[in-house]
Amino acid sequence: MVVIRVVLIITRRIYVEDLWLCGGFKLYKLNFSGGEVMKKVFAGIFLIVAFVVTATCSFAAEDVKKHGSCLFCGMEEKKFGHSWMVIEYEDGTSAGLCSIHCAAIEFAQNMDKTPKVIKVGDYNTKQLIDAGKAFWVIGGSKQGVMTKRAKWAFEKKEDAEKFMKENGGTLATFDEAMKAAYEDMYADTKMIRDKRKMMKQKMMENK
């Protein structure tokens, strides 16, 4: 890194300690001796290095999102294409989520960001479609993703009606499905927490 080279030029006595962050990026901690002026110089350089590392980590996280892992639970798009959601914001950032449950969390955490495009996977084809124009089905006998009360999206109304005939559920709009996601948030979060606790206990028992 350019900043590190500058540090090496300025001082003769530098100790570099590697602290691993973001699965592979390094933050350099500098220990040095000298007068107060030199200390201030090094403090400024350290802040620059920290800023560069933080920015790099942010880009890395964004890259992970674009490659199909849910921002919150880590589930993969290739396994949950039938419920996958993508949110693109006006500032150019985006998020990939496994379900409308995680999309609701994303919206709650980013209230100051304006969505430009909201897409969802068609339940049958797994192709991303406009979430606002989709025909949603709330409930039914099919197990939902991250929720007890399932919420599925269909590009065609006839597909949604066929699904309801076979599995039950209620036809809804995107706004109604999102409202249902928030209504179910506490119960769904508790369900997920309990499942993860049980999984950890089983792992401990099998050791």
N, C-alpha and C. Protein backbone atom coordinates (compact mmCIF):
# COMPACT_ATOMS: atom_id res chain seq x y z
N MET A 1 0.84 -1.20 0.00
CA MET A 1 0.00 0.00 0.00
C MET A 1 0.87 1.25 0.00
N VAL A 2 0.42 2.27 -0.69
CA VAL A 2 1.17 3.51 -0.79
C VAL A 2 1.41 4.13 0.57
N VAL A 3 0.39 4.10 1.43
CA VAL A 3 0.51 4.71 2.76
C VAL A 3 1.61 4.04 3.57
N ILE A 4 1.69 2.72 3.49
CA ILE A 4 2.71 1.98 4.23
C ILE A 4 4.10 2.36 3.74
N ARG A 5 4.25 2.53 2.43
CA ARG A 5 5.55 2.93 1.88
C ARG A 5 5.97 4.29 2.40
N VAL A 6 5.02 5.20 2.51
CA VAL A 6 5.30 6.53 3.05
C VAL A 6 5.79 6.43 4.48
N VAL A 7 5.14 5.55 5.26
CA VAL A 7 5.53 5.35 6.66
C VAL A 7 6.97 4.86 6.73
N LEU A 8 7.33 3.92 5.87
CA LEU A 8 8.67 3.37 5.88
C LEU A 8 9.72 4.41 5.54
N ILE A 9 9.37 5.35 4.69
CA ILE A 9 10.30 6.41 4.32
C ILE A 9 10.48 7.40 5.45
N ILE A 10 9.42 7.76 6.15
CA ILE A 10 9.46 8.79 7.18
C ILE A 10 10.26 8.36 8.40
N THR A 11 10.13 7.14 8.83
CA THR A 11 10.78 6.72 10.08
C THR A 11 11.68 5.51 9.89
N ARG A 12 12.63 5.37 10.78
CA ARG A 12 13.54 4.23 10.77
C ARG A 12 13.09 3.14 11.73
N ARG A 13 12.21 3.52 12.63
CA ARG A 13 11.79 2.58 13.67
C ARG A 13 10.29 2.38 13.62
N ILE A 14 9.89 1.37 12.90
CA ILE A 14 8.46 1.04 12.77
C ILE A 14 8.27 -0.44 13.04
N TYR A 15 7.26 -0.71 13.84
CA TYR A 15 6.90 -2.10 14.10
C TYR A 15 5.50 -2.31 13.55
N VAL A 16 5.34 -3.31 12.69
CA VAL A 16 4.05 -3.57 12.04
C VAL A 16 3.45 -4.84 12.61
N GLU A 17 2.25 -4.71 13.12
CA GLU A 17 1.53 -5.87 13.67
C GLU A 17 0.30 -6.10 12.84
N ASP A 18 0.14 -7.33 12.35
CA ASP A 18 -0.98 -7.67 11.49
C ASP A 18 -2.20 -8.04 12.32
N LEU A 19 -3.31 -7.37 12.04
CA LEU A 19 -4.59 -7.71 12.66
C LEU A 19 -5.55 -8.05 11.54
N TRP A 20 -6.01 -9.30 11.48
CA TRP A 20 -6.84 -9.74 10.35
C TRP A 20 -8.27 -9.23 10.52
N LEU A 21 -8.77 -8.62 9.45
CA LEU A 21 -10.14 -8.12 9.42
C LEU A 21 -10.78 -8.53 8.11
N CYS A 22 -12.11 -8.65 8.10
CA CYS A 22 -12.88 -8.91 6.88
C CYS A 22 -12.37 -10.13 6.14
N GLY A 23 -11.93 -11.14 6.84
CA GLY A 23 -11.55 -12.38 6.20
C GLY A 23 -10.30 -12.28 5.34
N GLY A 24 -9.38 -11.38 5.63
CA GLY A 24 -8.15 -11.37 4.86
C GLY A 24 -7.47 -10.04 4.71
N PHE A 25 -8.16 -8.95 4.92
CA PHE A 25 -7.54 -7.63 4.81
C PHE A 25 -6.81 -7.31 6.10
N LYS A 26 -5.72 -6.53 6.02
CA LYS A 26 -4.89 -6.27 7.19
C LYS A 26 -4.97 -4.82 7.63
N LEU A 27 -5.04 -4.66 8.92
CA LEU A 27 -4.97 -3.33 9.52
C LEU A 27 -3.60 -3.23 10.17
N TYR A 28 -2.84 -2.20 9.85
CA TYR A 28 -1.49 -2.07 10.35
C TYR A 28 -1.43 -1.17 11.57
N LYS A 29 -0.94 -1.70 12.68
CA LYS A 29 -0.81 -0.95 13.92
C LYS A 29 0.65 -0.51 14.03
N LEU A 30 0.90 0.77 14.17
CA LEU A 30 2.24 1.30 14.15
C LEU A 30 2.70 1.71 15.54
N ASN A 31 3.87 1.20 15.96
CA ASN A 31 4.49 1.61 17.21
C ASN A 31 5.77 2.34 16.88
N PHE A 32 5.98 3.53 17.40
CA PHE A 32 7.14 4.32 17.03
C PHE A 32 7.59 5.16 18.21
N SER A 33 8.79 5.76 18.07
CA SER A 33 9.31 6.64 19.10
C SER A 33 9.69 7.96 18.45
N GLY A 34 9.74 9.02 19.20
CA GLY A 34 10.10 10.31 18.63
C GLY A 34 9.39 11.41 19.38
N GLY A 35 9.51 12.64 18.86
CA GLY A 35 8.89 13.80 19.47
C GLY A 35 7.41 13.86 19.24
N GLU A 36 6.80 14.86 19.82
CA GLU A 36 5.35 15.02 19.71
C GLU A 36 4.93 15.25 18.27
N VAL A 37 5.75 15.97 17.50
CA VAL A 37 5.40 16.24 16.10
C VAL A 37 5.32 14.95 15.32
N MET A 38 6.35 14.10 15.51
CA MET A 38 6.37 12.82 14.80
C MET A 38 5.19 11.95 15.21
N LYS A 39 4.83 12.01 16.49
CA LYS A 39 3.70 11.21 16.96
C LYS A 39 2.40 11.64 16.29
N LYS A 40 2.26 12.95 16.11
CA LYS A 40 1.05 13.46 15.45
C LYS A 40 1.03 13.03 13.98
N VAL A 41 2.22 13.04 13.37
CA VAL A 41 2.32 12.61 11.96
C VAL A 41 1.89 11.17 11.83
N PHE A 42 2.41 10.32 12.73
CA PHE A 42 2.07 8.91 12.67
C PHE A 42 0.61 8.66 12.99
N ALA A 43 0.07 9.44 13.91
CA ALA A 43 -1.35 9.29 14.25
C ALA A 43 -2.21 9.59 13.03
N GLY A 44 -1.84 10.62 12.29
CA GLY A 44 -2.58 10.97 11.07
C GLY A 44 -2.47 9.89 10.03
N ILE A 45 -1.26 9.33 9.87
CA ILE A 45 -1.05 8.25 8.88
C ILE A 45 -1.86 7.02 9.27
N PHE A 46 -1.88 6.72 10.58
CA PHE A 46 -2.65 5.56 11.04
C PHE A 46 -4.13 5.71 10.73
N LEU A 47 -4.67 6.91 10.90
CA LEU A 47 -6.08 7.16 10.60
C LEU A 47 -6.36 6.96 9.12
N ILE A 48 -5.40 7.39 8.28
CA ILE A 48 -5.57 7.21 6.83
C ILE A 48 -5.61 5.73 6.49
N VAL A 49 -4.68 4.96 7.08
CA VAL A 49 -4.64 3.52 6.84
C VAL A 49 -5.95 2.86 7.28
N ALA A 50 -6.42 3.25 8.47
CA ALA A 50 -7.67 2.68 8.99
C ALA A 50 -8.84 2.98 8.07
N PHE A 51 -8.85 4.21 7.52
CA PHE A 51 -9.92 4.59 6.60
C PHE A 51 -9.88 3.76 5.34
N VAL A 52 -8.68 3.54 4.81
CA VAL A 52 -8.53 2.75 3.58
C VAL A 52 -9.00 1.33 3.81
N VAL A 53 -8.62 0.74 4.96
CA VAL A 53 -9.02 -0.63 5.27
C VAL A 53 -10.53 -0.74 5.43
N THR A 54 -11.12 0.23 6.12
CA THR A 54 -12.58 0.23 6.32
C THR A 54 -13.32 0.31 5.00
N ALA A 55 -12.84 1.17 4.11
CA ALA A 55 -13.46 1.31 2.79
C ALA A 55 -13.34 0.02 2.00
N THR A 56 -12.18 -0.63 2.10
CA THR A 56 -11.96 -1.89 1.40
C THR A 56 -12.90 -2.97 1.90
N CYS A 57 -13.07 -3.01 3.23
CA CYS A 57 -13.99 -4.00 3.82
C CYS A 57 -15.42 -3.77 3.34
N SER A 58 -15.82 -2.51 3.21
CA SER A 58 -17.17 -2.18 2.75
C SER A 58 -17.38 -2.67 1.32
N PHE A 59 -16.37 -2.45 0.47
CA PHE A 59 -16.47 -2.91 -0.90
C PHE A 59 -16.54 -4.43 -0.96
N ALA A 60 -15.78 -5.08 -0.06
CA ALA A 60 -15.78 -6.54 -0.02
C ALA A 60 -17.16 -7.06 0.36
N ALA A 61 -17.78 -6.43 1.34
CA ALA A 61 -19.12 -6.84 1.78
C ALA A 61 -20.13 -6.66 0.65
N GLU A 62 -20.01 -5.54 -0.08
CA GLU A 62 -20.91 -5.29 -1.20
C GLU A 62 -20.73 -6.35 -2.28
N ASP A 63 -19.49 -6.77 -2.49
CA ASP A 63 -19.20 -7.78 -3.50
C ASP A 63 -19.85 -9.10 -3.12
N VAL A 64 -19.79 -9.45 -1.82
CA VAL A 64 -20.41 -10.68 -1.35
C VAL A 64 -21.90 -10.66 -1.61
N LYS A 65 -22.53 -9.51 -1.33
CA LYS A 65 -23.98 -9.39 -1.54
C LYS A 65 -24.33 -9.62 -3.00
N LYS A 66 -23.54 -9.06 -3.92
CA LYS A 66 -23.83 -9.17 -5.34
C LYS A 66 -23.61 -10.57 -5.87
N HIS A 67 -22.92 -11.41 -5.08
CA HIS A 67 -22.66 -12.77 -5.53
C HIS A 67 -23.58 -13.78 -4.88
N GLY A 68 -24.68 -13.33 -4.33
CA GLY A 68 -25.72 -14.28 -3.98
C GLY A 68 -25.84 -14.77 -2.56
N SER A 69 -25.26 -14.10 -1.59
CA SER A 69 -25.45 -14.50 -0.19
C SER A 69 -26.28 -13.44 0.52
N CYS A 70 -27.27 -13.89 1.28
CA CYS A 70 -28.13 -12.96 1.99
C CYS A 70 -27.33 -12.11 2.97
N LEU A 71 -27.57 -10.83 2.96
CA LEU A 71 -26.85 -9.89 3.80
C LEU A 71 -26.99 -10.19 5.29
N PHE A 72 -28.12 -10.76 5.70
CA PHE A 72 -28.39 -10.96 7.12
C PHE A 72 -28.22 -12.40 7.60
N CYS A 73 -28.64 -13.36 6.82
CA CYS A 73 -28.57 -14.74 7.30
C CYS A 73 -27.55 -15.60 6.57
N GLY A 74 -27.03 -15.08 5.44
CA GLY A 74 -26.00 -15.81 4.71
C GLY A 74 -26.51 -16.89 3.77
N MET A 75 -27.82 -17.07 3.67
CA MET A 75 -28.35 -18.11 2.79
C MET A 75 -28.10 -17.73 1.33
N GLU A 76 -27.92 -18.74 0.49
CA GLU A 76 -27.49 -18.53 -0.88
C GLU A 76 -28.66 -18.40 -1.86
N GLU A 77 -28.45 -17.53 -2.84
CA GLU A 77 -29.48 -17.30 -3.84
C GLU A 77 -29.81 -18.56 -4.63
N LYS A 78 -28.79 -19.37 -4.92
CA LYS A 78 -29.01 -20.56 -5.74
C LYS A 78 -29.95 -21.56 -5.06
N LYS A 79 -30.05 -21.47 -3.73
CA LYS A 79 -30.95 -22.37 -3.00
C LYS A 79 -32.31 -21.74 -2.71
N PHE A 80 -32.36 -20.40 -2.77
CA PHE A 80 -33.60 -19.70 -2.41
C PHE A 80 -34.02 -18.70 -3.48
N GLY A 81 -33.81 -19.10 -4.73
CA GLY A 81 -34.21 -18.24 -5.84
C GLY A 81 -35.70 -17.99 -5.89
N HIS A 82 -36.49 -18.90 -5.32
CA HIS A 82 -37.94 -18.78 -5.35
C HIS A 82 -38.47 -17.74 -4.37
N SER A 83 -37.58 -17.24 -3.49
CA SER A 83 -38.01 -16.20 -2.54
C SER A 83 -37.02 -15.03 -2.49
N TRP A 84 -36.00 -15.08 -3.33
CA TRP A 84 -34.90 -14.10 -3.31
C TRP A 84 -35.38 -12.70 -3.65
N MET A 85 -34.81 -11.70 -2.98
CA MET A 85 -35.15 -10.31 -3.27
C MET A 85 -33.89 -9.48 -3.45
N VAL A 86 -33.96 -8.50 -4.35
CA VAL A 86 -32.86 -7.58 -4.60
C VAL A 86 -33.40 -6.16 -4.50
N ILE A 87 -32.73 -5.34 -3.69
CA ILE A 87 -33.12 -3.95 -3.52
C ILE A 87 -32.00 -3.07 -4.04
N GLU A 88 -32.31 -2.19 -4.97
CA GLU A 88 -31.34 -1.24 -5.51
C GLU A 88 -31.76 0.16 -5.08
N TYR A 89 -30.80 0.90 -4.51
CA TYR A 89 -31.10 2.23 -4.00
C TYR A 89 -30.64 3.32 -4.97
N GLU A 90 -31.17 4.51 -4.77
CA GLU A 90 -30.84 5.64 -5.63
C GLU A 90 -29.38 6.04 -5.52
N ASP A 91 -28.73 5.73 -4.39
CA ASP A 91 -27.32 6.10 -4.22
C ASP A 91 -26.37 5.10 -4.88
N GLY A 92 -26.93 4.09 -5.56
CA GLY A 92 -26.10 3.13 -6.27
C GLY A 92 -25.80 1.85 -5.51
N THR A 93 -26.12 1.80 -4.24
CA THR A 93 -25.88 0.59 -3.45
C THR A 93 -27.03 -0.39 -3.66
N SER A 94 -26.79 -1.64 -3.27
CA SER A 94 -27.82 -2.66 -3.45
C SER A 94 -27.67 -3.73 -2.38
N ALA A 95 -28.69 -4.55 -2.23
CA ALA A 95 -28.68 -5.63 -1.24
C ALA A 95 -29.41 -6.84 -1.79
N GLY A 96 -28.84 -8.01 -1.54
CA GLY A 96 -29.49 -9.25 -1.91
C GLY A 96 -29.99 -9.94 -0.66
N LEU A 97 -31.26 -10.31 -0.63
CA LEU A 97 -31.88 -10.90 0.57
C LEU A 97 -32.57 -12.21 0.22
N CYS A 98 -32.56 -13.14 1.17
CA CYS A 98 -33.13 -14.46 0.91
C CYS A 98 -34.64 -14.47 0.86
N SER A 99 -35.27 -13.45 1.46
CA SER A 99 -36.73 -13.49 1.61
C SER A 99 -37.27 -12.10 1.93
N ILE A 100 -38.57 -11.99 1.93
CA ILE A 100 -39.19 -10.72 2.29
C ILE A 100 -38.98 -10.43 3.77
N HIS A 101 -38.74 -11.46 4.58
CA HIS A 101 -38.43 -11.27 5.99
C HIS A 101 -37.15 -10.46 6.14
N CYS A 102 -36.10 -10.89 5.46
CA CYS A 102 -34.82 -10.18 5.54
C CYS A 102 -34.88 -8.84 4.81
N ALA A 103 -35.73 -8.75 3.78
CA ALA A 103 -35.91 -7.47 3.09
C ALA A 103 -36.53 -6.44 4.04
N ALA A 104 -37.44 -6.89 4.88
CA ALA A 104 -38.07 -6.00 5.86
C ALA A 104 -37.03 -5.47 6.85
N ILE A 105 -36.10 -6.33 7.25
CA ILE A 105 -35.02 -5.89 8.14
C ILE A 105 -34.15 -4.87 7.44
N GLU A 106 -33.83 -5.12 6.18
CA GLU A 106 -33.02 -4.20 5.39
C GLU A 106 -33.66 -2.83 5.29
N PHE A 107 -34.95 -2.78 5.02
CA PHE A 107 -35.67 -1.50 4.93
C PHE A 107 -35.66 -0.77 6.27
N ALA A 108 -35.86 -1.50 7.36
CA ALA A 108 -35.90 -0.88 8.68
C ALA A 108 -34.56 -0.28 9.07
N GLN A 109 -33.47 -0.90 8.62
CA GLN A 109 -32.14 -0.42 8.97
C GLN A 109 -31.65 0.69 8.05
N ASN A 110 -32.32 0.92 6.95
CA ASN A 110 -31.88 1.93 5.99
C ASN A 110 -33.03 2.88 5.63
N MET A 111 -33.61 3.49 6.63
CA MET A 111 -34.77 4.36 6.42
C MET A 111 -34.43 5.63 5.65
N ASP A 112 -33.15 6.03 5.64
CA ASP A 112 -32.77 7.25 4.95
C ASP A 112 -32.38 7.00 3.49
N LYS A 113 -32.39 5.73 3.07
CA LYS A 113 -32.05 5.40 1.69
C LYS A 113 -33.33 5.15 0.89
N THR A 114 -33.38 5.68 -0.32
CA THR A 114 -34.58 5.55 -1.16
C THR A 114 -34.43 4.42 -2.16
N PRO A 115 -35.31 3.40 -2.10
CA PRO A 115 -35.25 2.30 -3.06
C PRO A 115 -35.59 2.78 -4.47
N LYS A 116 -34.81 2.34 -5.44
CA LYS A 116 -35.07 2.66 -6.83
C LYS A 116 -35.73 1.48 -7.54
N VAL A 117 -35.24 0.29 -7.23
CA VAL A 117 -35.77 -0.94 -7.83
C VAL A 117 -35.89 -2.00 -6.75
N ILE A 118 -37.05 -2.69 -6.71
CA ILE A 118 -37.24 -3.80 -5.77
C ILE A 118 -37.68 -5.01 -6.58
N LYS A 119 -36.87 -6.05 -6.56
CA LYS A 119 -37.17 -7.25 -7.34
C LYS A 119 -37.34 -8.45 -6.42
N VAL A 120 -38.07 -9.42 -6.91
CA VAL A 120 -38.30 -10.64 -6.14
C VAL A 120 -38.31 -11.82 -7.10
N GLY A 121 -37.90 -12.98 -6.61
CA GLY A 121 -37.91 -14.17 -7.45
C GLY A 121 -39.31 -14.73 -7.61
N ASP A 122 -39.68 -15.01 -8.86
CA ASP A 122 -40.96 -15.68 -9.12
C ASP A 122 -40.90 -17.08 -8.50
N TYR A 123 -41.93 -17.46 -7.78
CA TYR A 123 -41.93 -18.73 -7.06
C TYR A 123 -41.68 -19.92 -7.99
N ASN A 124 -42.20 -19.87 -9.19
CA ASN A 124 -42.06 -20.99 -10.13
C ASN A 124 -40.78 -20.95 -10.94
N THR A 125 -40.50 -19.80 -11.55
CA THR A 125 -39.36 -19.70 -12.47
C THR A 125 -38.06 -19.28 -11.79
N LYS A 126 -38.16 -18.68 -10.60
CA LYS A 126 -37.02 -18.15 -9.86
C LYS A 126 -36.37 -16.95 -10.57
N GLN A 127 -37.02 -16.44 -11.59
CA GLN A 127 -36.53 -15.26 -12.28
C GLN A 127 -36.94 -14.00 -11.50
N LEU A 128 -36.04 -13.02 -11.44
CA LEU A 128 -36.36 -11.79 -10.71
C LEU A 128 -37.39 -10.96 -11.48
N ILE A 129 -38.41 -10.53 -10.76
CA ILE A 129 -39.48 -9.74 -11.35
C ILE A 129 -39.73 -8.51 -10.47
N ASP A 130 -40.50 -7.58 -10.98
CA ASP A 130 -40.83 -6.37 -10.22
C ASP A 130 -41.71 -6.75 -9.02
N ALA A 131 -41.20 -6.50 -7.81
CA ALA A 131 -41.94 -6.88 -6.60
C ALA A 131 -43.26 -6.14 -6.48
N GLY A 132 -43.30 -4.89 -6.95
CA GLY A 132 -44.51 -4.08 -6.85
C GLY A 132 -45.61 -4.54 -7.79
N LYS A 133 -45.22 -5.13 -8.92
CA LYS A 133 -46.19 -5.60 -9.90
C LYS A 133 -46.55 -7.07 -9.72
N ALA A 134 -45.81 -7.76 -8.87
CA ALA A 134 -46.04 -9.19 -8.67
C ALA A 134 -47.35 -9.46 -7.95
N PHE A 135 -47.86 -10.67 -8.14
CA PHE A 135 -49.06 -11.13 -7.44
C PHE A 135 -48.56 -11.98 -6.26
N TRP A 136 -48.81 -11.50 -5.06
CA TRP A 136 -48.29 -12.16 -3.87
C TRP A 136 -49.34 -13.07 -3.24
N VAL A 137 -48.86 -14.14 -2.64
CA VAL A 137 -49.73 -15.05 -1.90
C VAL A 137 -49.21 -15.14 -0.47
N ILE A 138 -50.07 -14.81 0.47
CA ILE A 138 -49.71 -14.85 1.89
C ILE A 138 -50.33 -16.09 2.54
N GLY A 139 -49.51 -16.86 3.24
CA GLY A 139 -50.02 -18.04 3.93
C GLY A 139 -50.03 -19.28 3.04
N GLY A 140 -50.80 -20.25 3.44
CA GLY A 140 -50.84 -21.51 2.71
C GLY A 140 -50.06 -22.59 3.43
N SER A 141 -50.08 -23.79 2.86
CA SER A 141 -49.47 -24.95 3.52
C SER A 141 -47.97 -25.08 3.28
N LYS A 142 -47.44 -24.39 2.29
CA LYS A 142 -46.01 -24.47 1.99
C LYS A 142 -45.20 -23.73 3.06
N GLN A 143 -44.11 -24.36 3.50
CA GLN A 143 -43.24 -23.74 4.49
C GLN A 143 -42.58 -22.50 3.92
N GLY A 144 -42.67 -21.38 4.64
CA GLY A 144 -42.07 -20.15 4.18
C GLY A 144 -40.58 -20.10 4.45
N VAL A 145 -39.93 -19.06 3.91
CA VAL A 145 -38.50 -18.86 4.11
C VAL A 145 -38.32 -17.82 5.22
N MET A 146 -37.74 -18.23 6.33
CA MET A 146 -37.50 -17.36 7.50
C MET A 146 -38.80 -16.87 8.12
N THR A 147 -39.88 -17.57 7.91
CA THR A 147 -41.17 -17.14 8.45
C THR A 147 -42.12 -18.32 8.58
N LYS A 148 -43.02 -18.24 9.57
CA LYS A 148 -44.06 -19.26 9.72
C LYS A 148 -45.15 -19.06 8.68
N ARG A 149 -45.48 -17.81 8.41
CA ARG A 149 -46.53 -17.48 7.44
C ARG A 149 -45.86 -17.11 6.12
N ALA A 150 -45.90 -18.01 5.17
CA ALA A 150 -45.19 -17.83 3.90
C ALA A 150 -45.71 -16.63 3.11
N LYS A 151 -44.80 -16.08 2.30
CA LYS A 151 -45.16 -14.96 1.42
C LYS A 151 -44.44 -15.19 0.10
N TRP A 152 -45.19 -15.55 -0.93
CA TRP A 152 -44.61 -15.89 -2.24
C TRP A 152 -45.04 -14.88 -3.31
N ALA A 153 -44.20 -14.72 -4.32
CA ALA A 153 -44.50 -13.79 -5.40
C ALA A 153 -44.61 -14.54 -6.73
N PHE A 154 -45.55 -14.10 -7.56
CA PHE A 154 -45.74 -14.70 -8.88
C PHE A 154 -45.86 -13.59 -9.92
N GLU A 155 -45.28 -13.83 -11.07
CA GLU A 155 -45.36 -12.82 -12.14
C GLU A 155 -46.75 -12.81 -12.76
N LYS A 156 -47.38 -14.00 -12.84
CA LYS A 156 -48.70 -14.12 -13.46
C LYS A 156 -49.77 -14.42 -12.41
N LYS A 157 -50.90 -13.77 -12.56
CA LYS A 157 -51.99 -13.96 -11.61
C LYS A 157 -52.50 -15.39 -11.64
N GLU A 158 -52.54 -15.99 -12.84
CA GLU A 158 -53.04 -17.37 -12.95
C GLU A 158 -52.15 -18.35 -12.20
N ASP A 159 -50.85 -18.06 -12.12
CA ASP A 159 -49.94 -18.93 -11.37
C ASP A 159 -50.21 -18.80 -9.87
N ALA A 160 -50.49 -17.58 -9.42
CA ALA A 160 -50.80 -17.35 -8.01
C ALA A 160 -52.10 -18.05 -7.65
N GLU A 161 -53.09 -17.97 -8.52
CA GLU A 161 -54.38 -18.60 -8.26
C GLU A 161 -54.26 -20.12 -8.25
N LYS A 162 -53.43 -20.66 -9.14
CA LYS A 162 -53.20 -22.10 -9.17
C LYS A 162 -52.53 -22.56 -7.88
N PHE A 163 -51.56 -21.78 -7.42
CA PHE A 163 -50.87 -22.10 -6.17
C PHE A 163 -51.85 -22.11 -5.00
N MET A 164 -52.72 -21.10 -4.93
CA MET A 164 -53.69 -21.03 -3.84
C MET A 164 -54.67 -22.18 -3.88
N LYS A 165 -55.02 -22.61 -5.06
CA LYS A 165 -55.95 -23.73 -5.20
C LYS A 165 -55.33 -25.01 -4.66
N GLU A 166 -54.02 -25.16 -4.84
CA GLU A 166 -53.33 -26.37 -4.42
C GLU A 166 -52.81 -26.31 -2.98
N ASN A 167 -52.46 -25.08 -2.54
CA ASN A 167 -51.79 -24.95 -1.24
C ASN A 167 -52.46 -23.99 -0.26
N GLY A 168 -53.51 -23.30 -0.70
CA GLY A 168 -54.14 -22.32 0.16
C GLY A 168 -53.41 -20.99 0.12
N GLY A 169 -53.83 -20.08 0.96
CA GLY A 169 -53.23 -18.76 0.98
C GLY A 169 -54.18 -17.69 0.51
N THR A 170 -53.74 -16.42 0.61
CA THR A 170 -54.56 -15.28 0.23
C THR A 170 -53.81 -14.39 -0.75
N LEU A 171 -54.48 -13.98 -1.81
CA LEU A 171 -53.86 -13.10 -2.81
C LEU A 171 -53.63 -11.71 -2.20
N ALA A 172 -52.47 -11.13 -2.47
CA ALA A 172 -52.13 -9.84 -1.87
C ALA A 172 -51.22 -9.02 -2.78
N THR A 173 -51.07 -7.76 -2.42
CA THR A 173 -50.14 -6.86 -3.12
C THR A 173 -48.79 -6.90 -2.39
N PHE A 174 -47.79 -6.25 -2.98
CA PHE A 174 -46.48 -6.19 -2.34
C PHE A 174 -46.56 -5.46 -1.01
N ASP A 175 -47.29 -4.35 -0.97
CA ASP A 175 -47.43 -3.59 0.28
C ASP A 175 -48.06 -4.44 1.37
N GLU A 176 -49.06 -5.22 1.00
CA GLU A 176 -49.73 -6.08 1.98
C GLU A 176 -48.80 -7.20 2.46
N ALA A 177 -47.98 -7.72 1.54
CA ALA A 177 -47.02 -8.78 1.92
C ALA A 177 -45.94 -8.22 2.84
N MET A 178 -45.47 -7.00 2.55
CA MET A 178 -44.46 -6.38 3.39
C MET A 178 -45.03 -6.04 4.77
N LYS A 179 -46.26 -5.58 4.81
CA LYS A 179 -46.91 -5.30 6.08
C LYS A 179 -47.02 -6.58 6.91
N ALA A 180 -47.35 -7.68 6.25
CA ALA A 180 -47.46 -8.96 6.94
C ALA A 180 -46.09 -9.40 7.48
N ALA A 181 -45.03 -9.08 6.73
CA ALA A 181 -43.68 -9.44 7.17
C ALA A 181 -43.33 -8.72 8.47
N TYR A 182 -43.72 -7.46 8.57
CA TYR A 182 -43.46 -6.71 9.81
C TYR A 182 -44.35 -7.20 10.95
N GLU A 183 -45.57 -7.57 10.63
CA GLU A 183 -46.47 -8.09 11.66
C GLU A 183 -45.94 -9.41 12.24
N ASP A 184 -45.28 -10.19 11.38
CA ASP A 184 -44.78 -11.50 11.80
C ASP A 184 -43.35 -11.44 12.35
N MET A 185 -42.73 -10.27 12.35
CA MET A 185 -41.31 -10.15 12.64
C MET A 185 -40.92 -10.73 14.01
N TYR A 186 -41.66 -10.39 15.04
CA TYR A 186 -41.28 -10.88 16.37
C TYR A 186 -41.37 -12.40 16.45
N ALA A 187 -42.50 -12.95 16.01
CA ALA A 187 -42.69 -14.40 16.08
C ALA A 187 -41.67 -15.13 15.21
N ASP A 188 -41.39 -14.58 14.03
CA ASP A 188 -40.43 -15.22 13.13
C ASP A 188 -39.01 -15.16 13.68
N THR A 189 -38.65 -14.01 14.25
CA THR A 189 -37.32 -13.87 14.83
C THR A 189 -37.13 -14.84 16.00
N LYS A 190 -38.16 -14.99 16.82
CA LYS A 190 -38.10 -15.92 17.95
C LYS A 190 -37.97 -17.35 17.44
N MET A 191 -38.71 -17.69 16.38
CA MET A 191 -38.65 -19.02 15.79
C MET A 191 -37.24 -19.32 15.29
N ILE A 192 -36.64 -18.36 14.57
CA ILE A 192 -35.29 -18.53 14.02
C ILE A 192 -34.27 -18.68 15.14
N ARG A 193 -34.41 -17.86 16.19
CA ARG A 193 -33.49 -17.93 17.33
C ARG A 193 -33.56 -19.28 18.01
N ASP A 194 -34.78 -19.79 18.20
CA ASP A 194 -34.96 -21.09 18.86
C ASP A 194 -34.38 -22.22 18.01
N LYS A 195 -34.55 -22.14 16.70
CA LYS A 195 -34.01 -23.17 15.80
C LYS A 195 -32.49 -23.18 15.84
N ARG A 196 -31.90 -22.01 15.84
CA ARG A 196 -30.43 -21.91 15.88
C ARG A 196 -29.88 -22.41 17.21
N LYS A 197 -30.63 -22.15 18.28
CA LYS A 197 -30.22 -22.63 19.60
C LYS A 197 -30.22 -24.15 19.64
N MET A 198 -31.25 -24.75 19.05
CA MET A 198 -31.35 -26.20 19.01
C MET A 198 -30.23 -26.81 18.17
N MET A 199 -29.91 -26.15 17.06
CA MET A 199 -28.83 -26.64 16.20
C MET A 199 -27.50 -26.60 16.92
N LYS A 200 -27.25 -25.54 17.68
CA LYS A 200 -26.00 -25.43 18.43
C LYS A 200 -25.92 -26.51 19.51
N GLN A 201 -27.05 -26.78 20.16
CA GLN A 201 -27.07 -27.81 21.18
C GLN A 201 -26.78 -29.18 20.61
N LYS A 202 -27.34 -29.46 19.42
CA LYS A 202 -27.11 -30.75 18.77
C LYS A 202 -25.65 -30.90 18.36
N MET A 203 -25.06 -29.78 17.90
CA MET A 203 -23.65 -29.80 17.51
C MET A 203 -22.77 -30.08 18.72
N MET A 204 -23.11 -29.48 19.85
CA MET A 204 -22.33 -29.71 21.07
C MET A 204 -22.46 -31.15 21.54
N GLU A 205 -23.65 -31.73 21.40
CA GLU A 205 -23.89 -33.10 21.82
C GLU A 205 -23.15 -34.10 20.95
N ASN A 206 -22.97 -33.76 19.68
CA ASN A 206 -22.31 -34.68 18.74
C ASN A 206 -20.79 -34.59 18.79
N LYS A 207 -20.26 -33.63 19.56
CA LYS A 207 -18.79 -33.50 19.66
C LYS A 207 -18.22 -34.60 20.56
